[in-house]
């Protein structure tokens, strides 16, 4: 078996650091692409908020069967970039269709 000798510790360390960065970047890129594709919403219903309505009452009838109502409210708030308690009469809310 052939033995290798490290002549420059700096070059050896830089080489392995570059390998680690490339591997980590590749891994994160693949995970990021999968995550982005999984959260893409193609369709949505537009609801106009009237007095006395909350985001919880707006999502009734729109929650998919395989999803918890709390999770759907989270998706609606994130999709519209709003705080669930901050809707006002006259606001337009987009409800994603999964």
PDB file of N, CA and C in Angstrom:
ATOM      1  N   UNK A   1       0.833  -1.169   0.000  1.00  0.00           N
ATOM      2  CA  UNK A   1       0.000   0.000   0.000  1.00  0.00           C
ATOM      3  C   UNK A   1       0.885   1.242   0.000  1.00  0.00           C
ATOM      4  N   UNK A   2       0.488   2.159  -0.790  1.00  0.00           N
ATOM      5  CA  UNK A   2       1.287   3.371  -0.946  1.00  0.00           C
ATOM      6  C   UNK A   2       0.887   4.407   0.104  1.00  0.00           C
ATOM      7  N   UNK A   3       1.838   5.050   0.714  1.00  0.00           N
ATOM      8  CA  UNK A   3       1.570   6.078   1.716  1.00  0.00           C
ATOM      9  C   UNK A   3       1.826   7.445   1.100  1.00  0.00           C
ATOM     10  N   UNK A   4       0.923   8.364   1.442  1.00  0.00           N
ATOM     11  CA  UNK A   4       1.066   9.727   0.957  1.00  0.00           C
ATOM     12  C   UNK A   4       1.511  10.610   2.106  1.00  0.00           C
ATOM     13  N   UNK A   5       2.279  11.595   1.759  1.00  0.00           N
ATOM     14  CA  UNK A   5       2.790  12.505   2.765  1.00  0.00           C
ATOM     15  C   UNK A   5       2.241  13.909   2.490  1.00  0.00           C
ATOM     16  N   UNK A   6       1.728  14.547   3.507  1.00  0.00           N
ATOM     17  CA  UNK A   6       1.204  15.905   3.363  1.00  0.00           C
ATOM     18  C   UNK A   6       2.376  16.871   3.442  1.00  0.00           C
ATOM     19  N   UNK A   7       2.583  17.590   2.321  1.00  0.00           N
ATOM     20  CA  UNK A   7       3.699  18.525   2.276  1.00  0.00           C
ATOM     21  C   UNK A   7       3.305  19.905   2.800  1.00  0.00           C
ATOM     22  N   UNK A   8       2.028  20.268   2.581  1.00  0.00           N
ATOM     23  CA  UNK A   8       1.575  21.580   3.023  1.00  0.00           C
ATOM     24  C   UNK A   8       0.238  21.414   3.749  1.00  0.00           C
ATOM     25  N   UNK A   9       0.230  21.664   5.037  1.00  0.00           N
ATOM     26  CA  UNK A   9      -0.999  21.536   5.812  1.00  0.00           C
ATOM     27  C   UNK A   9      -2.036  22.561   5.373  1.00  0.00           C
ATOM     28  N   UNK A  10      -1.589  23.740   4.988  1.00  0.00           N
ATOM     29  CA  UNK A  10      -2.510  24.780   4.533  1.00  0.00           C
ATOM     30  C   UNK A  10      -3.236  24.338   3.264  1.00  0.00           C
ATOM     31  N   UNK A  11      -2.494  23.838   2.273  1.00  0.00           N
ATOM     32  CA  UNK A  11      -3.108  23.378   1.032  1.00  0.00           C
ATOM     33  C   UNK A  11      -4.067  22.214   1.289  1.00  0.00           C
ATOM     34  N   UNK A  12      -3.689  21.299   2.151  1.00  0.00           N
ATOM     35  CA  UNK A  12      -4.527  20.159   2.495  1.00  0.00           C
ATOM     36  C   UNK A  12      -5.840  20.625   3.137  1.00  0.00           C
ATOM     37  N   UNK A  13      -5.753  21.566   4.075  1.00  0.00           N
ATOM     38  CA  UNK A  13      -6.935  22.091   4.757  1.00  0.00           C
ATOM     39  C   UNK A  13      -7.841  22.844   3.801  1.00  0.00           C
ATOM     40  N   UNK A  14      -7.274  23.666   2.938  1.00  0.00           N
ATOM     41  CA  UNK A  14      -8.058  24.424   1.961  1.00  0.00           C
ATOM     42  C   UNK A  14      -8.771  23.463   1.007  1.00  0.00           C
ATOM     43  N   UNK A  15      -8.076  22.430   0.563  1.00  0.00           N
ATOM     44  CA  UNK A  15      -8.670  21.442  -0.334  1.00  0.00           C
ATOM     45  C   UNK A  15      -9.908  20.808   0.299  1.00  0.00           C
ATOM     46  N   UNK A  16      -9.797  20.340   1.541  1.00  0.00           N
ATOM     47  CA  UNK A  16     -10.931  19.697   2.201  1.00  0.00           C
ATOM     48  C   UNK A  16     -12.036  20.693   2.538  1.00  0.00           C
ATOM     49  N   UNK A  17     -11.688  21.936   2.815  1.00  0.00           N
ATOM     50  CA  UNK A  17     -12.711  22.958   3.062  1.00  0.00           C
ATOM     51  C   UNK A  17     -13.519  23.210   1.796  1.00  0.00           C
ATOM     52  N   UNK A  18     -12.851  23.277   0.652  1.00  0.00           N
ATOM     53  CA  UNK A  18     -13.556  23.487  -0.622  1.00  0.00           C
ATOM     54  C   UNK A  18     -14.458  22.293  -0.926  1.00  0.00           C
ATOM     55  N   UNK A  19     -13.974  21.094  -0.705  1.00  0.00           N
ATOM     56  CA  UNK A  19     -14.780  19.889  -0.925  1.00  0.00           C
ATOM     57  C   UNK A  19     -16.027  19.913  -0.037  1.00  0.00           C
ATOM     58  N   UNK A  20     -15.856  20.285   1.225  1.00  0.00           N
ATOM     59  CA  UNK A  20     -16.988  20.332   2.158  1.00  0.00           C
ATOM     60  C   UNK A  20     -18.002  21.397   1.733  1.00  0.00           C
ATOM     61  N   UNK A  21     -17.528  22.557   1.291  1.00  0.00           N
ATOM     62  CA  UNK A  21     -18.426  23.634   0.863  1.00  0.00           C
ATOM     63  C   UNK A  21     -19.205  23.222  -0.373  1.00  0.00           C
ATOM     64  N   UNK A  22     -18.548  22.614  -1.334  1.00  0.00           N
ATOM     65  CA  UNK A  22     -19.231  22.168  -2.552  1.00  0.00           C
ATOM     66  C   UNK A  22     -20.269  21.100  -2.221  1.00  0.00           C
ATOM     67  N   UNK A  23     -19.913  20.143  -1.382  1.00  0.00           N
ATOM     68  CA  UNK A  23     -20.855  19.083  -1.009  1.00  0.00           C
ATOM     69  C   UNK A  23     -22.058  19.650  -0.264  1.00  0.00           C
ATOM     70  N   UNK A  24     -21.822  20.534   0.688  1.00  0.00           N
ATOM     71  CA  UNK A  24     -22.910  21.128   1.454  1.00  0.00           C
ATOM     72  C   UNK A  24     -23.803  21.997   0.569  1.00  0.00           C
ATOM     73  N   UNK A  25     -23.208  22.764  -0.326  1.00  0.00           N
ATOM     74  CA  UNK A  25     -23.988  23.602  -1.233  1.00  0.00           C
ATOM     75  C   UNK A  25     -24.852  22.756  -2.156  1.00  0.00           C
ATOM     76  N   UNK A  26     -24.301  21.678  -2.653  1.00  0.00           N
ATOM     77  CA  UNK A  26     -25.071  20.786  -3.519  1.00  0.00           C
ATOM     78  C   UNK A  26     -26.247  20.182  -2.759  1.00  0.00           C
ATOM     79  N   UNK A  27     -25.985  19.711  -1.561  1.00  0.00           N
ATOM     80  CA  UNK A  27     -27.040  19.124  -0.733  1.00  0.00           C
ATOM     81  C   UNK A  27     -28.140  20.149  -0.438  1.00  0.00           C
ATOM     82  N   UNK A  28     -27.774  21.340  -0.030  1.00  0.00           N
ATOM     83  CA  UNK A  28     -28.760  22.377   0.288  1.00  0.00           C
ATOM     84  C   UNK A  28     -29.526  22.822  -0.953  1.00  0.00           C
ATOM     85  N   UNK A  29     -28.855  22.856  -2.090  1.00  0.00           N
ATOM     86  CA  UNK A  29     -29.529  23.206  -3.334  1.00  0.00           C
ATOM     87  C   UNK A  29     -30.597  22.202  -3.700  1.00  0.00           C
ATOM     88  N   UNK A  30     -30.289  20.930  -3.548  1.00  0.00           N
ATOM     89  CA  UNK A  30     -31.266  19.888  -3.866  1.00  0.00           C
ATOM     90  C   UNK A  30     -32.432  19.934  -2.890  1.00  0.00           C
ATOM     91  N   UNK A  31     -32.158  20.073  -1.613  1.00  0.00           N
ATOM     92  CA  UNK A  31     -33.220  20.152  -0.607  1.00  0.00           C
ATOM     93  C   UNK A  31     -34.070  21.400  -0.839  1.00  0.00           C
ATOM     94  N   UNK A  32     -33.455  22.512  -1.167  1.00  0.00           N
ATOM     95  CA  UNK A  32     -34.183  23.753  -1.422  1.00  0.00           C
ATOM     96  C   UNK A  32     -35.096  23.650  -2.624  1.00  0.00           C
ATOM     97  N   UNK A  33     -34.653  23.000  -3.682  1.00  0.00           N
ATOM     98  CA  UNK A  33     -35.496  22.838  -4.866  1.00  0.00           C
ATOM     99  C   UNK A  33     -36.701  21.968  -4.566  1.00  0.00           C
ATOM    100  N   UNK A  34     -36.507  20.921  -3.804  1.00  0.00           N
ATOM    101  CA  UNK A  34     -37.617  20.046  -3.452  1.00  0.00           C
ATOM    102  C   UNK A  34     -38.622  20.807  -2.602  1.00  0.00           C
ATOM    103  N   UNK A  35     -38.149  21.590  -1.652  1.00  0.00           N
ATOM    104  CA  UNK A  35     -39.026  22.347  -0.773  1.00  0.00           C
ATOM    105  C   UNK A  35     -39.814  23.394  -1.548  1.00  0.00           C
ATOM    106  N   UNK A  36     -39.180  24.094  -2.454  1.00  0.00           N
ATOM    107  CA  UNK A  36     -39.854  25.138  -3.230  1.00  0.00           C
ATOM    108  C   UNK A  36     -40.928  24.538  -4.116  1.00  0.00           C
ATOM    109  N   UNK A  37     -40.642  23.434  -4.754  1.00  0.00           N
ATOM    110  CA  UNK A  37     -41.612  22.813  -5.634  1.00  0.00           C
ATOM    111  C   UNK A  37     -42.810  22.285  -4.843  1.00  0.00           C
ATOM    112  N   UNK A  38     -42.599  21.854  -3.609  1.00  0.00           N
ATOM    113  CA  UNK A  38     -43.684  21.305  -2.811  1.00  0.00           C
ATOM    114  C   UNK A  38     -44.634  22.356  -2.276  1.00  0.00           C
ATOM    115  N   UNK A  39     -44.232  23.597  -2.150  1.00  0.00           N
ATOM    116  CA  UNK A  39     -45.080  24.643  -1.584  1.00  0.00           C
ATOM    117  C   UNK A  39     -45.680  25.577  -2.626  1.00  0.00           C
ATOM    118  N   UNK A  40     -45.561  25.260  -3.893  1.00  0.00           N
ATOM    119  CA  UNK A  40     -46.087  26.127  -4.933  1.00  0.00           C
ATOM    120  C   UNK A  40     -47.609  26.013  -4.983  1.00  0.00           C
ATOM    121  N   UNK A  41     -48.286  27.153  -4.923  1.00  0.00           N
ATOM    122  CA  UNK A  41     -49.741  27.182  -4.997  1.00  0.00           C
ATOM    123  C   UNK A  41     -50.117  27.733  -6.369  1.00  0.00           C
ATOM    124  N   UNK A  42     -50.852  26.940  -7.130  1.00  0.00           N
ATOM    125  CA  UNK A  42     -51.218  27.334  -8.482  1.00  0.00           C
ATOM    126  C   UNK A  42     -52.562  28.073  -8.528  1.00  0.00           C
ATOM    127  N   UNK A  43     -53.499  27.657  -7.678  1.00  0.00           N
ATOM    128  CA  UNK A  43     -54.840  28.232  -7.727  1.00  0.00           C
ATOM    129  C   UNK A  43     -55.221  28.779  -6.361  1.00  0.00           C
ATOM    130  N   UNK A  44     -56.121  29.750  -6.373  1.00  0.00           N
ATOM    131  CA  UNK A  44     -56.613  30.303  -5.119  1.00  0.00           C
ATOM    132  C   UNK A  44     -57.986  30.912  -5.330  1.00  0.00           C
ATOM    133  N   UNK A  45     -58.758  30.976  -4.256  1.00  0.00           N
ATOM    134  CA  UNK A  45     -60.058  31.648  -4.250  1.00  0.00           C
ATOM    135  C   UNK A  45     -59.878  32.995  -3.571  1.00  0.00           C
ATOM    136  N   UNK A  46     -60.540  34.012  -4.093  1.00  0.00           N
ATOM    137  CA  UNK A  46     -60.464  35.352  -3.499  1.00  0.00           C
ATOM    138  C   UNK A  46     -61.718  35.594  -2.681  1.00  0.00           C
ATOM    139  N   UNK A  47     -61.512  35.962  -1.424  1.00  0.00           N
ATOM    140  CA  UNK A  47     -62.609  36.234  -0.494  1.00  0.00           C
ATOM    141  C   UNK A  47     -62.479  37.677  -0.017  1.00  0.00           C
ATOM    142  N   UNK A  48     -63.612  38.403   0.008  1.00  0.00           N
ATOM    143  CA  UNK A  48     -63.620  39.778   0.525  1.00  0.00           C
ATOM    144  C   UNK A  48     -64.124  39.738   1.966  1.00  0.00           C
ATOM    145  N   UNK A  49     -63.379  40.353   2.851  1.00  0.00           N
ATOM    146  CA  UNK A  49     -63.687  40.333   4.277  1.00  0.00           C
ATOM    147  C   UNK A  49     -64.794  41.341   4.563  1.00  0.00           C
ATOM    148  N   UNK A  50     -65.802  40.897   5.323  1.00  0.00           N
ATOM    149  CA  UNK A  50     -66.868  41.795   5.769  1.00  0.00           C
ATOM    150  C   UNK A  50     -66.756  41.950   7.287  1.00  0.00           C
ATOM    151  N   UNK A  51     -67.527  42.856   7.839  1.00  0.00           N
ATOM    152  CA  UNK A  51     -67.458  43.137   9.275  1.00  0.00           C
ATOM    153  C   UNK A  51     -67.809  41.890  10.089  1.00  0.00           C
ATOM    154  N   UNK A  52     -67.035  41.630  11.117  1.00  0.00           N
ATOM    155  CA  UNK A  52     -67.284  40.522  12.026  1.00  0.00           C
ATOM    156  C   UNK A  52     -66.663  39.204  11.607  1.00  0.00           C
ATOM    157  N   UNK A  53     -65.991  39.151  10.476  1.00  0.00           N
ATOM    158  CA  UNK A  53     -65.374  37.906  10.028  1.00  0.00           C
ATOM    159  C   UNK A  53     -63.934  37.818  10.509  1.00  0.00           C
ATOM    160  N   UNK A  54     -63.517  36.601  10.752  1.00  0.00           N
ATOM    161  CA  UNK A  54     -62.122  36.340  11.102  1.00  0.00           C
ATOM    162  C   UNK A  54     -61.561  35.394  10.063  1.00  0.00           C
ATOM    163  N   UNK A  55     -60.265  35.214  10.105  1.00  0.00           N
ATOM    164  CA  UNK A  55     -59.643  34.304   9.139  1.00  0.00           C
ATOM    165  C   UNK A  55     -60.138  32.880   9.370  1.00  0.00           C
ATOM    166  N   UNK A  56     -60.484  32.577  10.621  1.00  0.00           N
ATOM    167  CA  UNK A  56     -60.983  31.240  10.941  1.00  0.00           C
ATOM    168  C   UNK A  56     -62.349  31.002  10.314  1.00  0.00           C
ATOM    169  N   UNK A  57     -63.209  32.010  10.312  1.00  0.00           N
ATOM    170  CA  UNK A  57     -64.530  31.840   9.693  1.00  0.00           C
ATOM    171  C   UNK A  57     -64.438  31.862   8.168  1.00  0.00           C
ATOM    172  N   UNK A  58     -63.437  32.555   7.634  1.00  0.00           N
ATOM    173  CA  UNK A  58     -63.278  32.617   6.179  1.00  0.00           C
ATOM    174  C   UNK A  58     -62.838  31.279   5.580  1.00  0.00           C
ATOM    175  N   UNK A  59     -62.043  30.530   6.311  1.00  0.00           N
ATOM    176  CA  UNK A  59     -61.509  29.287   5.754  1.00  0.00           C
ATOM    177  C   UNK A  59     -62.476  28.112   5.857  1.00  0.00           C
ATOM    178  N   UNK A  60     -63.587  28.268   6.592  1.00  0.00           N
ATOM    179  CA  UNK A  60     -64.575  27.187   6.664  1.00  0.00           C
ATOM    180  C   UNK A  60     -65.038  26.812   5.270  1.00  0.00           C
ATOM    181  N   UNK A  61     -65.025  25.532   4.979  1.00  0.00           N
ATOM    182  CA  UNK A  61     -65.441  25.055   3.666  1.00  0.00           C
ATOM    183  C   UNK A  61     -64.329  25.036   2.633  1.00  0.00           C
ATOM    184  N   UNK A  62     -63.176  25.592   2.960  1.00  0.00           N
ATOM    185  CA  UNK A  62     -62.048  25.615   2.021  1.00  0.00           C
ATOM    186  C   UNK A  62     -60.889  24.717   2.467  1.00  0.00           C
ATOM    187  N   UNK A  63     -60.967  24.214   3.692  1.00  0.00           N
ATOM    188  CA  UNK A  63     -59.880  23.391   4.234  1.00  0.00           C
ATOM    189  C   UNK A  63     -59.910  22.019   3.558  1.00  0.00           C
ATOM    190  N   UNK A  64     -58.783  21.586   2.973  1.00  0.00           N
ATOM    191  CA  UNK A  64     -58.739  20.243   2.376  1.00  0.00           C
ATOM    192  C   UNK A  64     -58.971  19.161   3.432  1.00  0.00           C
ATOM    193  N   UNK A  65     -59.493  18.038   2.999  1.00  0.00           N
ATOM    194  CA  UNK A  65     -59.821  16.932   3.921  1.00  0.00           C
ATOM    195  C   UNK A  65     -58.592  16.383   4.634  1.00  0.00           C
ATOM    196  N   UNK A  66     -57.441  16.420   3.981  1.00  0.00           N
ATOM    197  CA  UNK A  66     -56.236  15.830   4.566  1.00  0.00           C
ATOM    198  C   UNK A  66     -55.399  16.841   5.346  1.00  0.00           C
ATOM    199  N   UNK A  67     -55.978  18.016   5.664  1.00  0.00           N
ATOM    200  CA  UNK A  67     -55.206  19.059   6.341  1.00  0.00           C
ATOM    201  C   UNK A  67     -55.972  19.572   7.558  1.00  0.00           C
ATOM    202  N   UNK A  68     -55.239  19.851   8.617  1.00  0.00           N
ATOM    203  CA  UNK A  68     -55.813  20.425   9.823  1.00  0.00           C
ATOM    204  C   UNK A  68     -56.148  21.898   9.568  1.00  0.00           C
ATOM    205  N   UNK A  69     -57.227  22.364  10.188  1.00  0.00           N
ATOM    206  CA  UNK A  69     -57.664  23.751   9.982  1.00  0.00           C
ATOM    207  C   UNK A  69     -56.585  24.747  10.412  1.00  0.00           C
ATOM    208  N   UNK A  70     -55.871  24.452  11.501  1.00  0.00           N
ATOM    209  CA  UNK A  70     -54.807  25.351  11.967  1.00  0.00           C
ATOM    210  C   UNK A  70     -53.685  25.457  10.945  1.00  0.00           C
ATOM    211  N   UNK A  71     -53.341  24.337  10.337  1.00  0.00           N
ATOM    212  CA  UNK A  71     -52.296  24.330   9.314  1.00  0.00           C
ATOM    213  C   UNK A  71     -52.732  25.133   8.092  1.00  0.00           C
ATOM    214  N   UNK A  72     -54.007  25.017   7.711  1.00  0.00           N
ATOM    215  CA  UNK A  72     -54.521  25.762   6.564  1.00  0.00           C
ATOM    216  C   UNK A  72     -54.524  27.266   6.848  1.00  0.00           C
ATOM    217  N   UNK A  73     -54.919  27.656   8.072  1.00  0.00           N
ATOM    218  CA  UNK A  73     -54.890  29.079   8.453  1.00  0.00           C
ATOM    219  C   UNK A  73     -53.459  29.602   8.376  1.00  0.00           C
ATOM    220  N   UNK A  74     -52.496  28.789   8.814  1.00  0.00           N
ATOM    221  CA  UNK A  74     -51.088  29.175   8.715  1.00  0.00           C
ATOM    222  C   UNK A  74     -50.701  29.406   7.255  1.00  0.00           C
ATOM    223  N   UNK A  75     -51.106  28.501   6.357  1.00  0.00           N
ATOM    224  CA  UNK A  75     -50.790  28.655   4.939  1.00  0.00           C
ATOM    225  C   UNK A  75     -51.447  29.904   4.352  1.00  0.00           C
ATOM    226  N   UNK A  76     -52.687  30.173   4.729  1.00  0.00           N
ATOM    227  CA  UNK A  76     -53.393  31.364   4.231  1.00  0.00           C
ATOM    228  C   UNK A  76     -52.679  32.630   4.695  1.00  0.00           C
ATOM    229  N   UNK A  77     -52.301  32.676   5.968  1.00  0.00           N
ATOM    230  CA  UNK A  77     -51.608  33.855   6.504  1.00  0.00           C
ATOM    231  C   UNK A  77     -50.267  34.048   5.820  1.00  0.00           C
ATOM    232  N   UNK A  78     -49.533  32.969   5.608  1.00  0.00           N
ATOM    233  CA  UNK A  78     -48.227  33.060   4.951  1.00  0.00           C
ATOM    234  C   UNK A  78     -48.377  33.425   3.478  1.00  0.00           C
ATOM    235  N   UNK A  79     -49.380  32.863   2.813  1.00  0.00           N
ATOM    236  CA  UNK A  79     -49.605  33.139   1.393  1.00  0.00           C
ATOM    237  C   UNK A  79     -49.968  34.604   1.162  1.00  0.00           C
ATOM    238  N   UNK A  80     -50.736  35.189   2.094  1.00  0.00           N
ATOM    239  CA  UNK A  80     -51.164  36.583   1.969  1.00  0.00           C
ATOM    240  C   UNK A  80     -50.233  37.558   2.678  1.00  0.00           C
ATOM    241  N   UNK A  81     -49.203  37.033   3.368  1.00  0.00           N
ATOM    242  CA  UNK A  81     -48.253  37.842   4.118  1.00  0.00           C
ATOM    243  C   UNK A  81     -48.969  38.739   5.132  1.00  0.00           C
ATOM    244  N   UNK A  82     -49.827  38.110   5.928  1.00  0.00           N
ATOM    245  CA  UNK A  82     -50.594  38.841   6.944  1.00  0.00           C
ATOM    246  C   UNK A  82     -50.500  38.111   8.274  1.00  0.00           C
ATOM    247  N   UNK A  83     -50.875  38.815   9.340  1.00  0.00           N
ATOM    248  CA  UNK A  83     -51.039  38.218  10.652  1.00  0.00           C
ATOM    249  C   UNK A  83     -52.508  37.787  10.746  1.00  0.00           C
ATOM    250  N   UNK A  84     -52.816  36.546  11.165  1.00  0.00           N
ATOM    251  CA  UNK A  84     -54.208  36.082  11.179  1.00  0.00           C
ATOM    252  C   UNK A  84     -55.166  36.984  11.949  1.00  0.00           C
ATOM    253  N   UNK A  85     -54.700  37.716  12.929  1.00  0.00           N
ATOM    254  CA  UNK A  85     -55.584  38.594  13.685  1.00  0.00           C
ATOM    255  C   UNK A  85     -55.669  40.004  13.137  1.00  0.00           C
ATOM    256  N   UNK A  86     -55.014  40.267  12.019  1.00  0.00           N
ATOM    257  CA  UNK A  86     -54.922  41.632  11.495  1.00  0.00           C
ATOM    258  C   UNK A  86     -55.742  41.874  10.234  1.00  0.00           C
ATOM    259  N   UNK A  87     -56.864  41.195  10.051  1.00  0.00           N
ATOM    260  CA  UNK A  87     -57.658  41.465   8.853  1.00  0.00           C
ATOM    261  C   UNK A  87     -58.746  42.476   9.182  1.00  0.00           C
ATOM    262  N   UNK A  88     -59.064  43.297   8.214  1.00  0.00           N
ATOM    263  CA  UNK A  88     -60.036  44.364   8.372  1.00  0.00           C
ATOM    264  C   UNK A  88     -61.141  44.201   7.329  1.00  0.00           C
ATOM    265  N   UNK A  89     -62.352  44.717   7.616  1.00  0.00           N
ATOM    266  CA  UNK A  89     -63.403  44.670   6.593  1.00  0.00           C
ATOM    267  C   UNK A  89     -62.938  45.385   5.321  1.00  0.00           C
ATOM    268  N   UNK A  90     -63.204  44.757   4.187  1.00  0.00           N
ATOM    269  CA  UNK A  90     -62.779  45.302   2.906  1.00  0.00           C
ATOM    270  C   UNK A  90     -61.499  44.678   2.384  1.00  0.00           C
ATOM    271  N   UNK A  91     -60.758  43.975   3.242  1.00  0.00           N
ATOM    272  CA  UNK A  91     -59.538  43.299   2.792  1.00  0.00           C
ATOM    273  C   UNK A  91     -59.890  42.173   1.823  1.00  0.00           C
ATOM    274  N   UNK A  92     -58.946  41.870   0.977  1.00  0.00           N
ATOM    275  CA  UNK A  92     -59.100  40.781   0.024  1.00  0.00           C
ATOM    276  C   UNK A  92     -58.129  39.671   0.424  1.00  0.00           C
ATOM    277  N   UNK A  93     -58.649  38.512   0.715  1.00  0.00           N
ATOM    278  CA  UNK A  93     -57.837  37.379   1.157  1.00  0.00           C
ATOM    279  C   UNK A  93     -57.862  36.306   0.060  1.00  0.00           C
ATOM    280  N   UNK A  94     -56.675  35.803  -0.272  1.00  0.00           N
ATOM    281  CA  UNK A  94     -56.572  34.716  -1.238  1.00  0.00           C
ATOM    282  C   UNK A  94     -56.434  33.406  -0.488  1.00  0.00           C
ATOM    283  N   UNK A  95     -57.341  32.480  -0.735  1.00  0.00           N
ATOM    284  CA  UNK A  95     -57.319  31.168  -0.086  1.00  0.00           C
ATOM    285  C   UNK A  95     -56.750  30.147  -1.060  1.00  0.00           C
ATOM    286  N   UNK A  96     -55.572  29.600  -0.767  1.00  0.00           N
ATOM    287  CA  UNK A  96     -54.973  28.641  -1.683  1.00  0.00           C
ATOM    288  C   UNK A  96     -55.793  27.363  -1.791  1.00  0.00           C
ATOM    289  N   UNK A  97     -55.840  26.830  -3.007  1.00  0.00           N
ATOM    290  CA  UNK A  97     -56.539  25.570  -3.261  1.00  0.00           C
ATOM    291  C   UNK A  97     -55.472  24.499  -3.433  1.00  0.00           C
ATOM    292  N   UNK A  98     -55.495  23.493  -2.553  1.00  0.00           N
ATOM    293  CA  UNK A  98     -54.517  22.409  -2.614  1.00  0.00           C
ATOM    294  C   UNK A  98     -55.117  21.215  -3.303  1.00  0.00           C
TER     295      UNK A  98
END
